[in-house]
Amino acid sequence: MLRQVASRGLAVLRGAAASQRTCTSRVSSSSPSDLLEQTRRLGALSREYSTALNLHRNTGDNNPEVPFEFTQANLERVKEVLSHYPKNYKQSGIIPLLDLAQQQNGGWLSISSMNKIAEIVGVAPIRVYEVATFYSMFNREKVGTYHVMVCGTTPCMLRGSRDIEAALLKHLGVDRNEVTTDGKFSVGEMECMGSCVNAPMIVVADYSNGVEGFTYNYFEDLTPESVVEIVEAYRRGEKPKHGTQNPERLNCGPAGGLTTLLGEPKAPPCRDLSAC
């Protein structure tokens, strides 16, 4: 038995060594241009499974030379945010400051805005970048005035979220993470929004009124038809009713109304439940 195990282990090691030699010979025989092309293909493949790039590329309106400063009103909000944390833990305010900068900047974070936040809290810029790239709610490329995010987690997918996204993209004439030509709408994906019982659902980040009027509303129990109606309501300048879009439901209650828990709950016979 021991001899069989040892021989099998040796065969596995020999196979691994042979595979490594083959890979090495392929790489060494490839020209620099071939290796570059292989890298590009791998990068394109990985991006098919991602909603956005996790790297920064300088553009004319998004590079470290483009200045960013908080408005005077938002500087007061910065001070208020930082007042909640000890002076030696100002970096704890990175997330709310990123959110504030995104609202001021029309829904996205420029590299300069992240650098400014790093300067304010006294950390290396990479400490801000790693937070901004981790959370999908932070947009590092321009989005529409109304940024629509479709829940892509399992319960919503089982309830038809892919049909919701397809209806949005077709109606608006864009791909995911693209902005419509009028700059009003963009469509992205988001992870669980916490209301699986009302799946499928979207959230709309409304940047039409700046920081003061910013809203972030959830729309639930959607169909491909109802999600298009919501988009058109925003296009007309209306504020559509958020929450469930099923007229037979009240919030998260069942369609048709409650069938149990119809009365007031009975109070316990005494305050000390363990002594009852």
C-alpha atoms as a PDB file:
ATOM      1  CA  MET A   1       0.000   0.000   0.000  1.00  0.00           C
ATOM      2  CA  LEU A   2       2.722   2.450   0.956  1.00  0.00           C
ATOM      3  CA  ARG A   3       4.604   1.646  -2.245  1.00  0.00           C
ATOM      4  CA  GLN A   4       1.453   2.362  -4.316  1.00  0.00           C
ATOM      5  CA  VAL A   5       0.907   5.717  -2.600  1.00  0.00           C
ATOM      6  CA  ALA A   6       4.545   6.657  -3.069  1.00  0.00           C
ATOM      7  CA  SER A   7       4.524   5.702  -6.751  1.00  0.00           C
ATOM      8  CA  ARG A   8       1.335   7.682  -7.364  1.00  0.00           C
ATOM      9  CA  GLY A   9       2.805  10.730  -5.633  1.00  0.00           C
ATOM     10  CA  LEU A  10       5.938  10.460  -7.740  1.00  0.00           C
ATOM     11  CA  ALA A  11       3.851  10.247 -10.912  1.00  0.00           C
ATOM     12  CA  VAL A  12       1.960  13.407  -9.951  1.00  0.00           C
ATOM     13  CA  LEU A  13       5.216  15.277  -9.286  1.00  0.00           C
ATOM     14  CA  ARG A  14       6.657  14.158 -12.611  1.00  0.00           C
ATOM     15  CA  GLY A  15       3.492  15.290 -14.424  1.00  0.00           C
ATOM     16  CA  ALA A  16       3.609  18.700 -12.729  1.00  0.00           C
ATOM     17  CA  ALA A  17       7.251  19.131 -13.644  1.00  0.00           C
ATOM     18  CA  ALA A  18       6.549  18.222 -17.264  1.00  0.00           C
ATOM     19  CA  SER A  19       3.637  20.695 -17.394  1.00  0.00           C
ATOM     20  CA  GLN A  20       5.826  23.440 -15.969  1.00  0.00           C
ATOM     21  CA  ARG A  21       8.531  22.752 -18.577  1.00  0.00           C
ATOM     22  CA  THR A  22       5.917  22.935 -21.340  1.00  0.00           C
ATOM     23  CA  CYS A  23       4.550  26.264 -20.080  1.00  0.00           C
ATOM     24  CA  THR A  24       8.043  27.662 -19.698  1.00  0.00           C
ATOM     25  CA  SER A  25       8.995  26.656 -23.219  1.00  0.00           C
ATOM     26  CA  ARG A  26       5.827  28.256 -24.602  1.00  0.00           C
ATOM     27  CA  VAL A  27       6.477  31.527 -22.794  1.00  0.00           C
ATOM     28  CA  SER A  28      10.146  31.615 -23.719  1.00  0.00           C
ATOM     29  CA  SER A  29       9.334  30.945 -27.371  1.00  0.00           C
ATOM     30  CA  SER A  30       6.739  33.715 -27.517  1.00  0.00           C
ATOM     31  CA  SER A  31       7.705  37.129 -28.808  1.00  0.00           C
ATOM     32  CA  PRO A  32       7.055  40.256 -26.684  1.00  0.00           C
ATOM     33  CA  SER A  33       4.176  41.230 -28.983  1.00  0.00           C
ATOM     34  CA  ASP A  34       2.581  37.784 -28.561  1.00  0.00           C
ATOM     35  CA  LEU A  35       2.846  38.032 -24.783  1.00  0.00           C
ATOM     36  CA  LEU A  36       1.280  41.513 -24.865  1.00  0.00           C
ATOM     37  CA  GLU A  37      -1.605  40.232 -26.982  1.00  0.00           C
ATOM     38  CA  GLN A  38      -2.163  37.293 -24.605  1.00  0.00           C
ATOM     39  CA  THR A  39      -2.252  39.694 -21.662  1.00  0.00           C
ATOM     40  CA  ARG A  40      -4.788  41.910 -23.417  1.00  0.00           C
ATOM     41  CA  ARG A  41      -7.026  38.915 -24.149  1.00  0.00           C
ATOM     42  CA  LEU A  42      -6.900  37.805 -20.534  1.00  0.00           C
ATOM     43  CA  GLY A  43      -7.746  41.331 -19.390  1.00  0.00           C
ATOM     44  CA  ALA A  44     -10.693  41.552 -21.776  1.00  0.00           C
ATOM     45  CA  LEU A  45     -11.973  38.170 -20.576  1.00  0.00           C
ATOM     46  CA  SER A  46     -11.777  39.142 -16.914  1.00  0.00           C
ATOM     47  CA  ARG A  47     -13.632  42.400 -17.586  1.00  0.00           C
ATOM     48  CA  GLU A  48     -16.581  40.458 -19.029  1.00  0.00           C
ATOM     49  CA  TYR A  49     -17.300  39.336 -15.465  1.00  0.00           C
ATOM     50  CA  SER A  50     -16.839  42.766 -13.885  1.00  0.00           C
ATOM     51  CA  THR A  51     -19.115  45.793 -13.776  1.00  0.00           C
ATOM     52  CA  ALA A  52     -16.224  48.271 -13.932  1.00  0.00           C
ATOM     53  CA  LEU A  53     -12.460  48.518 -14.175  1.00  0.00           C
ATOM     54  CA  ASN A  54     -10.465  48.427 -10.968  1.00  0.00           C
ATOM     55  CA  LEU A  55      -7.742  50.624 -12.387  1.00  0.00           C
ATOM     56  CA  HIS A  56      -7.416  54.283 -13.282  1.00  0.00           C
ATOM     57  CA  ARG A  57      -6.659  55.613 -16.726  1.00  0.00           C
ATOM     58  CA  ASN A  58      -5.974  59.312 -17.164  1.00  0.00           C
ATOM     59  CA  THR A  59      -8.362  61.148 -19.447  1.00  0.00           C
ATOM     60  CA  GLY A  60      -8.774  64.799 -20.316  1.00  0.00           C
ATOM     61  CA  ASP A  61     -11.308  65.408 -17.541  1.00  0.00           C
ATOM     62  CA  ASN A  62     -10.068  62.807 -15.052  1.00  0.00           C
ATOM     63  CA  ASN A  63      -6.405  63.140 -14.196  1.00  0.00           C
ATOM     64  CA  PRO A  64      -4.447  64.477 -11.197  1.00  0.00           C
ATOM     65  CA  GLU A  65      -4.000  67.871 -12.901  1.00  0.00           C
ATOM     66  CA  VAL A  66      -7.751  68.581 -12.902  1.00  0.00           C
ATOM     67  CA  PRO A  67      -8.424  70.388  -9.591  1.00  0.00           C
ATOM     68  CA  PHE A  68     -11.098  69.339  -7.132  1.00  0.00           C
ATOM     69  CA  GLU A  69     -12.187  71.321  -4.092  1.00  0.00           C
ATOM     70  CA  PHE A  70     -15.155  70.854  -1.836  1.00  0.00           C
ATOM     71  CA  THR A  71     -17.607  73.744  -1.928  1.00  0.00           C
ATOM     72  CA  GLN A  72     -17.776  75.941   1.157  1.00  0.00           C
ATOM     73  CA  ALA A  73     -21.043  74.312   2.207  1.00  0.00           C
ATOM     74  CA  ASN A  74     -19.575  70.855   1.758  1.00  0.00           C
ATOM     75  CA  LEU A  75     -16.433  71.794   3.691  1.00  0.00           C
ATOM     76  CA  GLU A  76     -18.737  72.383   6.639  1.00  0.00           C
ATOM     77  CA  ARG A  77     -20.146  68.905   6.071  1.00  0.00           C
ATOM     78  CA  VAL A  78     -16.586  67.533   5.969  1.00  0.00           C
ATOM     79  CA  LYS A  79     -15.906  69.070   9.370  1.00  0.00           C
ATOM     80  CA  GLU A  80     -19.139  67.620  10.714  1.00  0.00           C
ATOM     81  CA  VAL A  81     -18.260  64.134   9.424  1.00  0.00           C
ATOM     82  CA  LEU A  82     -14.767  64.211  10.921  1.00  0.00           C
ATOM     83  CA  SER A  83     -16.125  65.436  14.266  1.00  0.00           C
ATOM     84  CA  HIS A  84     -17.550  61.949  14.814  1.00  0.00           C
ATOM     85  CA  TYR A  85     -14.093  60.343  14.936  1.00  0.00           C
ATOM     86  CA  PRO A  86     -11.000  60.772  17.130  1.00  0.00           C
ATOM     87  CA  LYS A  87      -8.403  63.098  15.617  1.00  0.00           C
ATOM     88  CA  ASN A  88      -5.964  60.230  15.167  1.00  0.00           C
ATOM     89  CA  TYR A  89      -8.604  58.168  13.309  1.00  0.00           C
ATOM     90  CA  LYS A  90      -9.751  60.658  10.705  1.00  0.00           C
ATOM     91  CA  GLN A  91      -9.394  57.939   8.058  1.00  0.00           C
ATOM     92  CA  SER A  92     -12.576  56.410   9.497  1.00  0.00           C
ATOM     93  CA  GLY A  93     -14.420  59.152   7.617  1.00  0.00           C
ATOM     94  CA  ILE A  94     -13.219  58.059   4.168  1.00  0.00           C
ATOM     95  CA  ILE A  95     -16.502  56.411   3.161  1.00  0.00           C
ATOM     96  CA  PRO A  96     -18.845  59.324   4.012  1.00  0.00           C
ATOM     97  CA  LEU A  97     -16.378  61.777   2.451  1.00  0.00           C
ATOM     98  CA  LEU A  98     -16.271  59.729  -0.752  1.00  0.00           C
ATOM     99  CA  ASP A  99     -20.064  59.756  -0.807  1.00  0.00           C
ATOM    100  CA  LEU A 100     -20.105  63.532  -0.332  1.00  0.00           C
ATOM    101  CA  ALA A 101     -17.537  64.071  -3.092  1.00  0.00           C
ATOM    102  CA  GLN A 102     -19.491  61.824  -5.436  1.00  0.00           C
ATOM    103  CA  GLN A 103     -22.707  63.767  -4.846  1.00  0.00           C
ATOM    104  CA  GLN A 104     -20.933  67.086  -5.443  1.00  0.00           C
ATOM    105  CA  ASN A 105     -19.266  65.752  -8.583  1.00  0.00           C
ATOM    106  CA  GLY A 106     -22.482  64.687 -10.304  1.00  0.00           C
ATOM    107  CA  GLY A 107     -22.377  61.019  -9.374  1.00  0.00           C
ATOM    108  CA  TRP A 108     -18.764  59.978  -9.883  1.00  0.00           C
ATOM    109  CA  LEU A 109     -15.353  60.215  -8.209  1.00  0.00           C
ATOM    110  CA  SER A 110     -12.452  61.746 -10.080  1.00  0.00           C
ATOM    111  CA  ILE A 111      -8.887  60.866  -9.181  1.00  0.00           C
ATOM    112  CA  SER A 112      -8.446  64.434  -7.893  1.00  0.00           C
ATOM    113  CA  SER A 113     -11.417  64.116  -5.532  1.00  0.00           C
ATOM    114  CA  MET A 114      -9.921  60.958  -4.037  1.00  0.00           C
ATOM    115  CA  ASN A 115      -6.545  62.668  -3.689  1.00  0.00           C
ATOM    116  CA  LYS A 116      -8.233  65.586  -1.910  1.00  0.00           C
ATOM    117  CA  ILE A 117      -9.889  63.214   0.575  1.00  0.00           C
ATOM    118  CA  ALA A 118      -6.537  61.521   1.226  1.00  0.00           C
ATOM    119  CA  GLU A 119      -5.058  64.948   1.949  1.00  0.00           C
ATOM    120  CA  ILE A 120      -7.905  65.843   4.332  1.00  0.00           C
ATOM    121  CA  VAL A 121      -7.714  62.655   6.406  1.00  0.00           C
ATOM    122  CA  GLY A 122      -3.921  62.428   6.254  1.00  0.00           C
ATOM    123  CA  VAL A 123      -3.375  59.096   4.524  1.00  0.00           C
ATOM    124  CA  ALA A 124      -1.633  57.933   1.365  1.00  0.00           C
ATOM    125  CA  PRO A 125      -3.916  58.207  -1.694  1.00  0.00           C
ATOM    126  CA  ILE A 126      -3.859  54.415  -2.161  1.00  0.00           C
ATOM    127  CA  ARG A 127      -5.789  54.094   1.130  1.00  0.00           C
ATOM    128  CA  VAL A 128      -8.640  56.027  -0.459  1.00  0.00           C
ATOM    129  CA  TYR A 129      -8.380  54.253  -3.826  1.00  0.00           C
ATOM    130  CA  GLU A 130      -8.704  50.832  -2.215  1.00  0.00           C
ATOM    131  CA  VAL A 131     -11.955  51.859  -0.513  1.00  0.00           C
ATOM    132  CA  ALA A 132     -13.386  53.423  -3.670  1.00  0.00           C
ATOM    133  CA  THR A 133     -12.585  50.339  -5.754  1.00  0.00           C
ATOM    134  CA  PHE A 134     -14.003  47.918  -3.185  1.00  0.00           C
ATOM    135  CA  TYR A 135     -17.541  49.311  -2.984  1.00  0.00           C
ATOM    136  CA  SER A 136     -19.617  49.155  -6.167  1.00  0.00           C
ATOM    137  CA  MET A 137     -21.677  52.168  -5.041  1.00  0.00           C
ATOM    138  CA  PHE A 138     -18.704  54.427  -5.778  1.00  0.00           C
ATOM    139  CA  ASN A 139     -18.470  55.319  -9.457  1.00  0.00           C
ATOM    140  CA  ARG A 140     -15.056  56.178 -10.845  1.00  0.00           C
ATOM    141  CA  GLU A 141     -16.365  57.002 -14.290  1.00  0.00           C
ATOM    142  CA  LYS A 142     -19.097  59.426 -15.269  1.00  0.00           C
ATOM    143  CA  VAL A 143     -22.685  58.272 -14.814  1.00  0.00           C
ATOM    144  CA  GLY A 144     -26.010  59.717 -15.853  1.00  0.00           C
ATOM    145  CA  THR A 145     -27.997  62.263 -13.895  1.00  0.00           C
ATOM    146  CA  TYR A 146     -30.179  59.287 -12.991  1.00  0.00           C
ATOM    147  CA  HIS A 147     -27.953  56.294 -12.335  1.00  0.00           C
ATOM    148  CA  VAL A 148     -30.023  53.105 -12.364  1.00  0.00           C
ATOM    149  CA  MET A 149     -28.541  50.061 -10.639  1.00  0.00           C
ATOM    150  CA  VAL A 150     -30.074  46.619 -11.072  1.00  0.00           C
ATOM    151  CA  CYS A 151     -29.716  44.074  -8.283  1.00  0.00           C
ATOM    152  CA  GLY A 152     -27.718  41.137  -9.619  1.00  0.00           C
ATOM    153  CA  THR A 153     -27.782  38.820  -6.611  1.00  0.00           C
ATOM    154  CA  THR A 154     -29.355  35.343  -6.744  1.00  0.00           C
ATOM    155  CA  PRO A 155     -32.936  36.030  -5.473  1.00  0.00           C
ATOM    156  CA  CYS A 156     -33.386  38.908  -7.916  1.00  0.00           C
ATOM    157  CA  MET A 157     -31.875  36.876 -10.751  1.00  0.00           C
ATOM    158  CA  LEU A 158     -34.312  34.045 -10.028  1.00  0.00           C
ATOM    159  CA  ARG A 159     -37.137  36.583 -10.152  1.00  0.00           C
ATOM    160  CA  GLY A 160     -36.069  38.040 -13.496  1.00  0.00           C
ATOM    161  CA  SER A 161     -33.536  40.804 -12.869  1.00  0.00           C
ATOM    162  CA  ARG A 162     -31.738  39.975 -16.122  1.00  0.00           C
ATOM    163  CA  ASP A 163     -34.974  40.715 -17.997  1.00  0.00           C
ATOM    164  CA  ILE A 164     -35.233  44.006 -16.089  1.00  0.00           C
ATOM    165  CA  GLU A 165     -31.688  44.963 -17.087  1.00  0.00           C
ATOM    166  CA  ALA A 166     -32.246  43.918 -20.707  1.00  0.00           C
ATOM    167  CA  ALA A 167     -35.405  46.055 -20.905  1.00  0.00           C
ATOM    168  CA  LEU A 168     -33.530  49.069 -19.513  1.00  0.00           C
ATOM    169  CA  LEU A 169     -30.561  48.715 -21.850  1.00  0.00           C
ATOM    170  CA  LYS A 170     -32.761  48.225 -24.894  1.00  0.00           C
ATOM    171  CA  HIS A 171     -35.049  51.145 -24.033  1.00  0.00           C
ATOM    172  CA  LEU A 172     -32.161  53.531 -23.332  1.00  0.00           C
ATOM    173  CA  GLY A 173     -29.986  52.284 -26.192  1.00  0.00           C
ATOM    174  CA  VAL A 174     -26.849  51.785 -24.072  1.00  0.00           C
ATOM    175  CA  ASP A 175     -24.673  49.011 -22.719  1.00  0.00           C
ATOM    176  CA  ARG A 176     -24.060  48.482 -19.038  1.00  0.00           C
ATOM    177  CA  ASN A 177     -22.065  51.382 -17.506  1.00  0.00           C
ATOM    178  CA  GLU A 178     -22.625  53.583 -20.556  1.00  0.00           C
ATOM    179  CA  VAL A 179     -24.314  56.988 -20.383  1.00  0.00           C
ATOM    180  CA  THR A 180     -27.096  58.007 -22.741  1.00  0.00           C
ATOM    181  CA  THR A 181     -26.236  60.676 -25.297  1.00  0.00           C
ATOM    182  CA  ASP A 182     -28.308  63.268 -23.415  1.00  0.00           C
ATOM    183  CA  GLY A 183     -26.356  62.496 -20.216  1.00  0.00           C
ATOM    184  CA  LYS A 184     -29.504  61.677 -18.252  1.00  0.00           C
ATOM    185  CA  PHE A 185     -29.314  57.927 -17.691  1.00  0.00           C
ATOM    186  CA  SER A 186     -26.831  55.149 -17.088  1.00  0.00           C
ATOM    187  CA  VAL A 187     -27.338  51.547 -16.012  1.00  0.00           C
ATOM    188  CA  GLY A 188     -25.112  49.545 -13.693  1.00  0.00           C
ATOM    189  CA  GLU A 189     -25.280  46.467 -11.516  1.00  0.00           C
ATOM    190  CA  MET A 190     -25.334  46.304  -7.746  1.00  0.00           C
ATOM    191  CA  GLU A 191     -25.172  43.533  -5.201  1.00  0.00           C
ATOM    192  CA  CYS A 192     -27.939  42.672  -2.733  1.00  0.00           C
ATOM    193  CA  MET A 193     -30.158  45.638  -1.819  1.00  0.00           C
ATOM    194  CA  GLY A 194     -31.639  43.877   1.202  1.00  0.00           C
ATOM    195  CA  SER A 195     -35.252  43.430   0.101  1.00  0.00           C
ATOM    196  CA  CYS A 196     -35.177  39.979  -1.466  1.00  0.00           C
ATOM    197  CA  VAL A 197     -38.849  39.386  -0.633  1.00  0.00           C
ATOM    198  CA  ASN A 198     -39.681  42.158  -3.125  1.00  0.00           C
ATOM    199  CA  ALA A 199     -37.390  40.941  -5.910  1.00  0.00           C
ATOM    200  CA  PRO A 200     -36.584  41.973  -8.586  1.00  0.00           C
ATOM    201  CA  MET A 201     -35.577  45.514  -7.763  1.00  0.00           C
ATOM    202  CA  ILE A 202     -33.482  48.511  -8.776  1.00  0.00           C
ATOM    203  CA  VAL A 203     -32.164  51.608  -7.048  1.00  0.00           C
ATOM    204  CA  VAL A 204     -32.021  55.024  -8.713  1.00  0.00           C
ATOM    205  CA  ALA A 205     -29.403  57.528  -7.590  1.00  0.00           C
ATOM    206  CA  ASP A 206     -30.841  60.936  -8.509  1.00  0.00           C
ATOM    207  CA  TYR A 207     -28.136  63.600  -8.923  1.00  0.00           C
ATOM    208  CA  SER A 208     -30.413  66.146 -10.620  1.00  0.00           C
ATOM    209  CA  ASN A 209     -30.525  68.510  -7.624  1.00  0.00           C
ATOM    210  CA  GLY A 210     -26.968  68.295  -6.275  1.00  0.00           C
ATOM    211  CA  VAL A 211     -26.054  67.426  -2.709  1.00  0.00           C
ATOM    212  CA  GLU A 212     -29.057  69.186  -1.188  1.00  0.00           C
ATOM    213  CA  GLY A 213     -31.600  67.309  -3.279  1.00  0.00           C
ATOM    214  CA  PHE A 214     -29.813  63.979  -3.686  1.00  0.00           C
ATOM    215  CA  THR A 215     -32.093  60.945  -3.403  1.00  0.00           C
ATOM    216  CA  TYR A 216     -31.408  57.221  -3.478  1.00  0.00           C
ATOM    217  CA  ASN A 217     -34.681  55.354  -3.956  1.00  0.00           C
ATOM    218  CA  TYR A 218     -35.536  51.674  -4.292  1.00  0.00           C
ATOM    219  CA  PHE A 219     -38.154  50.313  -6.692  1.00  0.00           C
ATOM    220  CA  GLU A 220     -39.346  46.762  -6.082  1.00  0.00           C
ATOM    221  CA  ASP A 221     -41.560  44.018  -7.588  1.00  0.00           C
ATOM    222  CA  LEU A 222     -40.617  45.175 -11.065  1.00  0.00           C
ATOM    223  CA  THR A 223     -41.535  43.977 -14.522  1.00  0.00           C
ATOM    224  CA  PRO A 224     -39.816  44.963 -17.787  1.00  0.00           C
ATOM    225  CA  GLU A 225     -42.791  47.230 -18.498  1.00  0.00           C
ATOM    226  CA  SER A 226     -42.889  48.949 -15.100  1.00  0.00           C
ATOM    227  CA  VAL A 227     -39.154  49.683 -15.062  1.00  0.00           C
ATOM    228  CA  VAL A 228     -39.452  51.472 -18.420  1.00  0.00           C
ATOM    229  CA  GLU A 229     -42.357  53.520 -16.997  1.00  0.00           C
ATOM    230  CA  ILE A 230     -40.151  54.562 -14.067  1.00  0.00           C
ATOM    231  CA  VAL A 231     -37.385  55.722 -16.414  1.00  0.00           C
ATOM    232  CA  GLU A 232     -39.830  57.734 -18.499  1.00  0.00           C
ATOM    233  CA  ALA A 233     -41.255  59.366 -15.373  1.00  0.00           C
ATOM    234  CA  TYR A 234     -37.761  60.551 -14.442  1.00  0.00           C
ATOM    235  CA  ARG A 235     -37.248  61.786 -18.000  1.00  0.00           C
ATOM    236  CA  ARG A 236     -40.368  63.940 -17.629  1.00  0.00           C
ATOM    237  CA  GLY A 237     -38.962  65.430 -14.437  1.00  0.00           C
ATOM    238  CA  GLU A 238     -41.358  63.535 -12.184  1.00  0.00           C
ATOM    239  CA  LYS A 239     -40.507  61.692  -8.976  1.00  0.00           C
ATOM    240  CA  PRO A 240     -42.101  58.250  -9.357  1.00  0.00           C
ATOM    241  CA  LYS A 241     -43.457  56.410  -6.339  1.00  0.00           C
ATOM    242  CA  HIS A 242     -40.700  54.263  -4.877  1.00  0.00           C
ATOM    243  CA  GLY A 243     -41.045  50.984  -3.026  1.00  0.00           C
ATOM    244  CA  THR A 244     -43.122  48.087  -4.302  1.00  0.00           C
ATOM    245  CA  GLN A 245     -44.685  48.534  -7.732  1.00  0.00           C
ATOM    246  CA  ASN A 246     -47.210  45.766  -7.090  1.00  0.00           C
ATOM    247  CA  PRO A 247     -50.549  47.459  -6.308  1.00  0.00           C
ATOM    248  CA  GLU A 248     -51.695  44.406  -4.333  1.00  0.00           C
ATOM    249  CA  ARG A 249     -48.859  44.676  -1.820  1.00  0.00           C
ATOM    250  CA  LEU A 250     -48.212  47.006   1.093  1.00  0.00           C
ATOM    251  CA  ASN A 251     -44.470  47.359   1.597  1.00  0.00           C
ATOM    252  CA  CYS A 252     -43.198  43.789   2.146  1.00  0.00           C
ATOM    253  CA  GLY A 253     -46.596  42.311   2.963  1.00  0.00           C
ATOM    254  CA  PRO A 254     -48.162  39.534   0.894  1.00  0.00           C
ATOM    255  CA  ALA A 255     -50.217  40.281  -2.201  1.00  0.00           C
ATOM    256  CA  GLY A 256     -53.857  40.630  -1.207  1.00  0.00           C
ATOM    257  CA  GLY A 257     -53.107  41.696   2.359  1.00  0.00           C
ATOM    258  CA  LEU A 258     -52.196  40.021   5.624  1.00  0.00           C
ATOM    259  CA  THR A 259     -53.685  36.651   6.533  1.00  0.00           C
ATOM    260  CA  THR A 260     -52.051  36.334   9.973  1.00  0.00           C
ATOM    261  CA  LEU A 261     -51.011  38.681  12.791  1.00  0.00           C
ATOM    262  CA  LEU A 262     -54.134  40.748  12.201  1.00  0.00           C
ATOM    263  CA  GLY A 263     -54.541  42.063  15.751  1.00  0.00           C
ATOM    264  CA  GLU A 264     -52.431  43.704  18.398  1.00  0.00           C
ATOM    265  CA  PRO A 265     -49.964  41.273  19.996  1.00  0.00           C
ATOM    266  CA  LYS A 266     -50.761  40.254  23.556  1.00  0.00           C
ATOM    267  CA  ALA A 267     -48.511  41.663  26.234  1.00  0.00           C
ATOM    268  CA  PRO A 268     -46.512  39.196  28.346  1.00  0.00           C
ATOM    269  CA  PRO A 269     -48.060  38.353  31.739  1.00  0.00           C
ATOM    270  CA  CYS A 270     -45.046  39.859  33.471  1.00  0.00           C
ATOM    271  CA  ARG A 271     -42.008  41.903  32.526  1.00  0.00           C
ATOM    272  CA  ASP A 272     -39.498  39.223  33.455  1.00  0.00           C
ATOM    273  CA  LEU A 273     -40.102  36.737  30.649  1.00  0.00           C
ATOM    274  CA  SER A 274     -37.783  34.134  32.143  1.00  0.00           C
ATOM    275  CA  ALA A 275     -39.915  34.093  35.322  1.00  0.00           C
ATOM    276  CA  CYS A 276     -43.239  33.614  33.515  1.00  0.00           C
END
